Amino acid sequence: MLTRDIAIITVVVIAALALLVFLIRRNQKDRKELLPPKSTEEEKGDQRRRHSRL
C-alpha cells in the first residue's frame, strides 16, 4: 500500500513540474509575440536614463 502511494505521489509531482515548465515556456513565447521589438534607439535612450538616475 505504502509503495503504491509513494508511486502515485511521485507521478503527480512529476506531472505538476512538467505542466509548470510548459506554462512558463508558453508564457514567454506569447509575451515575445505580443510585444513589439524595441528599436536600438529606444534601447540607447533607456540605457542613458538608467545611468543618469545612478
PDB file of N, CA and C in Angstrom:
ATOM      1  N   MET A   1       0.820  -1.195   0.000  1.00  0.00           N
ATOM      2  CA  MET A   1       0.000   0.000   0.000  1.00  0.00           C
ATOM      3  C   MET A   1       0.864   1.259   0.000  1.00  0.00           C
ATOM      4  N   LEU A   2       1.838   1.301   0.885  1.00  0.00           N
ATOM      5  CA  LEU A   2       2.670   2.496   1.014  1.00  0.00           C
ATOM      6  C   LEU A   2       3.486   2.740  -0.256  1.00  0.00           C
ATOM      7  N   THR A   3       3.984   1.673  -0.864  1.00  0.00           N
ATOM      8  CA  THR A   3       4.766   1.804  -2.091  1.00  0.00           C
ATOM      9  C   THR A   3       3.912   2.380  -3.208  1.00  0.00           C
ATOM     10  N   ARG A   4       2.668   1.935  -3.289  1.00  0.00           N
ATOM     11  CA  ARG A   4       1.762   2.439  -4.322  1.00  0.00           C
ATOM     12  C   ARG A   4       1.463   3.917  -4.096  1.00  0.00           C
ATOM     13  N   ASP A   5       1.274   4.310  -2.858  1.00  0.00           N
ATOM     14  CA  ASP A   5       1.009   5.718  -2.550  1.00  0.00           C
ATOM     15  C   ASP A   5       2.206   6.599  -2.921  1.00  0.00           C
ATOM     16  N   ILE A   6       3.400   6.121  -2.627  1.00  0.00           N
ATOM     17  CA  ILE A   6       4.603   6.879  -2.975  1.00  0.00           C
ATOM     18  C   ILE A   6       4.724   7.009  -4.490  1.00  0.00           C
ATOM     19  N   ALA A   7       4.419   5.945  -5.210  1.00  0.00           N
ATOM     20  CA  ALA A   7       4.485   5.985  -6.671  1.00  0.00           C
ATOM     21  C   ALA A   7       3.478   6.980  -7.231  1.00  0.00           C
ATOM     22  N   ILE A   8       2.278   7.002  -6.693  1.00  0.00           N
ATOM     23  CA  ILE A   8       1.247   7.941  -7.153  1.00  0.00           C
ATOM     24  C   ILE A   8       1.681   9.378  -6.880  1.00  0.00           C
ATOM     25  N   ILE A   9       2.197   9.623  -5.686  1.00  0.00           N
ATOM     26  CA  ILE A   9       2.656  10.972  -5.338  1.00  0.00           C
ATOM     27  C   ILE A   9       3.795  11.400  -6.263  1.00  0.00           C
ATOM     28  N   THR A  10       4.718  10.501  -6.551  1.00  0.00           N
ATOM     29  CA  THR A  10       5.839  10.812  -7.439  1.00  0.00           C
ATOM     30  C   THR A  10       5.351  11.180  -8.832  1.00  0.00           C
ATOM     31  N   VAL A  11       4.407  10.410  -9.362  1.00  0.00           N
ATOM     32  CA  VAL A  11       3.865  10.687 -10.693  1.00  0.00           C
ATOM     33  C   VAL A  11       3.161  12.040 -10.712  1.00  0.00           C
ATOM     34  N   VAL A  12       2.403  12.345  -9.683  1.00  0.00           N
ATOM     35  CA  VAL A  12       1.685  13.623  -9.618  1.00  0.00           C
ATOM     36  C   VAL A  12       2.670  14.792  -9.545  1.00  0.00           C
ATOM     37  N   VAL A  13       3.726  14.652  -8.765  1.00  0.00           N
ATOM     38  CA  VAL A  13       4.723  15.722  -8.648  1.00  0.00           C
ATOM     39  C   VAL A  13       5.433  15.940  -9.984  1.00  0.00           C
ATOM     40  N   ILE A  14       5.811  14.868 -10.659  1.00  0.00           N
ATOM     41  CA  ILE A  14       6.477  14.995 -11.962  1.00  0.00           C
ATOM     42  C   ILE A  14       5.545  15.650 -12.974  1.00  0.00           C
ATOM     43  N   ALA A  15       4.277  15.261 -12.977  1.00  0.00           N
ATOM     44  CA  ALA A  15       3.309  15.864 -13.901  1.00  0.00           C
ATOM     45  C   ALA A  15       3.120  17.352 -13.604  1.00  0.00           C
ATOM     46  N   ALA A  16       3.084  17.711 -12.331  1.00  0.00           N
ATOM     47  CA  ALA A  16       2.926  19.123 -11.960  1.00  0.00           C
ATOM     48  C   ALA A  16       4.140  19.938 -12.408  1.00  0.00           C
ATOM     49  N   LEU A  17       5.331  19.403 -12.237  1.00  0.00           N
ATOM     50  CA  LEU A  17       6.536  20.108 -12.681  1.00  0.00           C
ATOM     51  C   LEU A  17       6.563  20.261 -14.197  1.00  0.00           C
ATOM     52  N   ALA A  18       6.163  19.214 -14.914  1.00  0.00           N
ATOM     53  CA  ALA A  18       6.126  19.294 -16.374  1.00  0.00           C
ATOM     54  C   ALA A  18       5.122  20.348 -16.833  1.00  0.00           C
ATOM     55  N   LEU A  19       3.967  20.403 -16.182  1.00  0.00           N
ATOM     56  CA  LEU A  19       2.963  21.411 -16.519  1.00  0.00           C
ATOM     57  C   LEU A  19       3.492  22.812 -16.237  1.00  0.00           C
ATOM     58  N   LEU A  20       4.174  22.985 -15.135  1.00  0.00           N
ATOM     59  CA  LEU A  20       4.734  24.287 -14.779  1.00  0.00           C
ATOM     60  C   LEU A  20       5.758  24.749 -15.812  1.00  0.00           C
ATOM     61  N   VAL A  21       6.649  23.863 -16.218  1.00  0.00           N
ATOM     62  CA  VAL A  21       7.650  24.203 -17.232  1.00  0.00           C
ATOM     63  C   VAL A  21       6.968  24.555 -18.549  1.00  0.00           C
ATOM     64  N   PHE A  22       5.967  23.779 -18.933  1.00  0.00           N
ATOM     65  CA  PHE A  22       5.234  24.047 -20.177  1.00  0.00           C
ATOM     66  C   PHE A  22       4.575  25.414 -20.143  1.00  0.00           C
ATOM     67  N   LEU A  23       3.913  25.743 -19.048  1.00  0.00           N
ATOM     68  CA  LEU A  23       3.217  27.025 -18.954  1.00  0.00           C
ATOM     69  C   LEU A  23       4.191  28.199 -18.943  1.00  0.00           C
ATOM     70  N   ILE A  24       5.321  28.054 -18.272  1.00  0.00           N
ATOM     71  CA  ILE A  24       6.316  29.131 -18.252  1.00  0.00           C
ATOM     72  C   ILE A  24       6.854  29.376 -19.654  1.00  0.00           C
ATOM     73  N   ARG A  25       7.187  28.310 -20.367  1.00  0.00           N
ATOM     74  CA  ARG A  25       7.709  28.472 -21.729  1.00  0.00           C
ATOM     75  C   ARG A  25       6.668  29.084 -22.650  1.00  0.00           C
ATOM     76  N   ARG A  26       5.422  28.650 -22.525  1.00  0.00           N
ATOM     77  CA  ARG A  26       4.366  29.192 -23.384  1.00  0.00           C
ATOM     78  C   ARG A  26       4.130  30.668 -23.083  1.00  0.00           C
ATOM     79  N   ASN A  27       4.198  31.045 -21.814  1.00  0.00           N
ATOM     80  CA  ASN A  27       4.004  32.438 -21.433  1.00  0.00           C
ATOM     81  C   ASN A  27       5.119  33.315 -22.009  1.00  0.00           C
ATOM     82  N   GLN A  28       6.349  32.843 -21.956  1.00  0.00           N
ATOM     83  CA  GLN A  28       7.465  33.614 -22.505  1.00  0.00           C
ATOM     84  C   GLN A  28       7.323  33.759 -24.017  1.00  0.00           C
ATOM     85  N   LYS A  29       6.891  32.695 -24.678  1.00  0.00           N
ATOM     86  CA  LYS A  29       6.708  32.731 -26.131  1.00  0.00           C
ATOM     87  C   LYS A  29       5.596  33.708 -26.499  1.00  0.00           C
ATOM     88  N   ASP A  30       4.477  33.664 -25.777  1.00  0.00           N
ATOM     89  CA  ASP A  30       3.363  34.573 -26.048  1.00  0.00           C
ATOM     90  C   ASP A  30       3.774  36.016 -25.811  1.00  0.00           C
ATOM     91  N   ARG A  31       4.540  36.267 -24.776  1.00  0.00           N
ATOM     92  CA  ARG A  31       4.971  37.630 -24.455  1.00  0.00           C
ATOM     93  C   ARG A  31       5.844  38.183 -25.579  1.00  0.00           C
ATOM     94  N   LYS A  32       6.738  37.356 -26.119  1.00  0.00           N
ATOM     95  CA  LYS A  32       7.603  37.807 -27.210  1.00  0.00           C
ATOM     96  C   LYS A  32       6.786  38.129 -28.457  1.00  0.00           C
ATOM     97  N   GLU A  33       5.724  37.366 -28.719  1.00  0.00           N
ATOM     98  CA  GLU A  33       4.905  37.601 -29.898  1.00  0.00           C
ATOM     99  C   GLU A  33       4.041  38.843 -29.736  1.00  0.00           C
ATOM    100  N   LEU A  34       3.586  39.134 -28.526  1.00  0.00           N
ATOM    101  CA  LEU A  34       2.682  40.256 -28.311  1.00  0.00           C
ATOM    102  C   LEU A  34       3.406  41.592 -28.261  1.00  0.00           C
ATOM    103  N   LEU A  35       4.592  41.619 -27.673  1.00  0.00           N
ATOM    104  CA  LEU A  35       5.312  42.877 -27.528  1.00  0.00           C
ATOM    105  C   LEU A  35       6.117  43.176 -28.789  1.00  0.00           C
ATOM    106  N   PRO A  36       6.019  44.393 -29.294  1.00  0.00           N
ATOM    107  CA  PRO A  36       6.837  44.738 -30.462  1.00  0.00           C
ATOM    108  C   PRO A  36       8.303  44.829 -30.059  1.00  0.00           C
ATOM    109  N   PRO A  37       9.209  44.479 -30.937  1.00  0.00           N
ATOM    110  CA  PRO A  37      10.632  44.560 -30.583  1.00  0.00           C
ATOM    111  C   PRO A  37      11.064  46.009 -30.420  1.00  0.00           C
ATOM    112  N   LYS A  38      11.957  46.248 -29.462  1.00  0.00           N
ATOM    113  CA  LYS A  38      12.466  47.600 -29.237  1.00  0.00           C
ATOM    114  C   LYS A  38      13.471  47.950 -30.326  1.00  0.00           C
ATOM    115  N   SER A  39      13.440  49.178 -30.739  1.00  0.00           N
ATOM    116  CA  SER A  39      14.460  49.623 -31.687  1.00  0.00           C
ATOM    117  C   SER A  39      15.735  49.920 -30.909  1.00  0.00           C
ATOM    118  N   THR A  40      16.840  49.991 -31.620  1.00  0.00           N
ATOM    119  CA  THR A  40      18.108  50.240 -30.940  1.00  0.00           C
ATOM    120  C   THR A  40      18.149  51.642 -30.361  1.00  0.00           C
ATOM    121  N   GLU A  41      17.489  52.596 -31.002  1.00  0.00           N
ATOM    122  CA  GLU A  41      17.468  53.957 -30.473  1.00  0.00           C
ATOM    123  C   GLU A  41      16.738  54.004 -29.133  1.00  0.00           C
ATOM    124  N   GLU A  42      15.632  53.271 -29.024  1.00  0.00           N
ATOM    125  CA  GLU A  42      14.904  53.237 -27.753  1.00  0.00           C
ATOM    126  C   GLU A  42      15.764  52.622 -26.660  1.00  0.00           C
ATOM    127  N   GLU A  43      16.493  51.562 -26.999  1.00  0.00           N
ATOM    128  CA  GLU A  43      17.344  50.905 -26.010  1.00  0.00           C
ATOM    129  C   GLU A  43      18.452  51.843 -25.541  1.00  0.00           C
ATOM    130  N   LYS A  44      19.038  52.612 -26.466  1.00  0.00           N
ATOM    131  CA  LYS A  44      20.092  53.553 -26.078  1.00  0.00           C
ATOM    132  C   LYS A  44      19.532  54.621 -25.151  1.00  0.00           C
ATOM    133  N   GLY A  45      18.335  55.115 -25.456  1.00  0.00           N
ATOM    134  CA  GLY A  45      17.707  56.112 -24.597  1.00  0.00           C
ATOM    135  C   GLY A  45      17.406  55.554 -23.222  1.00  0.00           C
ATOM    136  N   ASP A  46      16.945  54.302 -23.176  1.00  0.00           N
ATOM    137  CA  ASP A  46      16.667  53.659 -21.890  1.00  0.00           C
ATOM    138  C   ASP A  46      17.946  53.522 -21.070  1.00  0.00           C
ATOM    139  N   GLN A  47      19.040  53.139 -21.722  1.00  0.00           N
ATOM    140  CA  GLN A  47      20.304  52.981 -21.006  1.00  0.00           C
ATOM    141  C   GLN A  47      20.782  54.323 -20.462  1.00  0.00           C
ATOM    142  N   ARG A  48      20.637  55.385 -21.246  1.00  0.00           N
ATOM    143  CA  ARG A  48      21.057  56.711 -20.775  1.00  0.00           C
ATOM    144  C   ARG A  48      20.240  57.125 -19.564  1.00  0.00           C
ATOM    145  N   ARG A  49      18.925  56.861 -19.620  1.00  0.00           N
ATOM    146  CA  ARG A  49      18.060  57.234 -18.497  1.00  0.00           C
ATOM    147  C   ARG A  49      18.442  56.464 -17.239  1.00  0.00           C
ATOM    148  N   ARG A  50      18.743  55.175 -17.401  1.00  0.00           N
ATOM    149  CA  ARG A  50      19.122  54.361 -16.247  1.00  0.00           C
ATOM    150  C   ARG A  50      20.423  54.869 -15.631  1.00  0.00           C
ATOM    151  N   HIS A  51      21.401  55.196 -16.472  1.00  0.00           N
ATOM    152  CA  HIS A  51      22.688  55.665 -15.961  1.00  0.00           C
ATOM    153  C   HIS A  51      22.566  57.041 -15.317  1.00  0.00           C
ATOM    154  N   SER A  52      21.698  57.882 -15.841  1.00  0.00           N
ATOM    155  CA  SER A  52      21.568  59.225 -15.274  1.00  0.00           C
ATOM    156  C   SER A  52      20.910  59.186 -13.896  1.00  0.00           C
ATOM    157  N   ARG A  53      20.129  58.152 -13.618  1.00  0.00           N
ATOM    158  CA  ARG A  53      19.485  58.026 -12.304  1.00  0.00           C
ATOM    159  C   ARG A  53      20.478  57.618 -11.231  1.00  0.00           C
ATOM    160  N   LEU A  54      21.527  56.925 -11.631  1.00  0.00           N
ATOM    161  CA  LEU A  54      22.509  56.430 -10.652  1.00  0.00           C
ATOM    162  C   LEU A  54      23.390  57.494 -10.175  1.00  0.00           C
TER     163      LEU A  54
END
